[in-house]
Protein backbone atom coordinates (compact mmCIF):
# COMPACT_ATOMS: atom_id res chain seq x y z
CA MET A 1 22.60 43.56 143.41
CA GLU A 2 21.90 45.95 140.61
CA PHE A 3 21.33 49.67 140.69
CA LYS A 4 20.18 50.54 137.21
CA GLU A 5 19.47 54.17 138.01
CA PHE A 6 23.08 54.76 139.01
CA ASN A 7 25.77 54.80 136.36
CA GLN A 8 29.42 53.91 136.99
CA GLU A 9 30.56 57.52 137.19
CA GLU A 10 28.02 58.32 139.87
CA LEU A 11 29.00 55.28 141.85
CA LYS A 12 32.60 56.45 141.91
CA ASN A 13 31.37 59.48 143.79
CA GLU A 14 31.43 58.69 147.48
CA GLU A 15 28.48 60.92 148.33
CA MET A 16 26.33 59.11 145.80
CA ILE A 17 27.33 55.79 147.35
CA GLU A 18 26.41 57.01 150.82
CA ARG A 19 23.06 58.27 149.57
CA LEU A 20 22.43 55.00 147.77
CA ILE A 21 23.11 53.05 150.97
CA LYS A 22 20.90 55.24 153.16
CA GLU A 23 17.98 55.79 150.80
CA HIS A 24 17.99 52.80 148.48
CA LEU A 25 19.16 50.08 150.83
CA LYS A 26 17.63 51.65 153.96
CA ILE A 27 20.65 50.82 156.11
CA GLU A 28 20.64 52.93 159.28
CA ASP A 29 23.53 51.50 161.28
CA PRO A 30 26.74 53.51 160.61
CA VAL A 31 28.95 50.42 160.80
CA GLN A 32 26.80 48.59 158.28
CA GLN A 33 26.75 51.69 156.08
CA GLU A 34 30.53 51.81 156.09
CA ASN A 35 30.82 48.11 155.33
CA MET A 36 28.34 48.35 152.48
CA LYS A 37 30.16 51.38 151.10
CA LYS A 38 33.44 49.46 151.06
CA LEU A 39 31.75 46.50 149.44
CA LEU A 40 30.17 48.64 146.71
CA ILE A 41 33.41 50.50 146.02
CA TYR A 42 35.26 47.20 145.84
CA GLN A 43 32.71 45.77 143.41
CA ILE A 44 32.86 48.85 141.22
CA LEU A 45 36.63 48.87 141.03
CA HIS A 46 36.98 45.15 140.26
């Protein structure tokens, strides 16, 4: 997965991650949103 329009600094911002998940990935389910957020944060930090 690549999100070229988002730089690393923006991705460190939790609100940006939530927006990315809702708008870009079109994930509606709150549990899936939370899981995806954790996954993205993990990928960014490692």
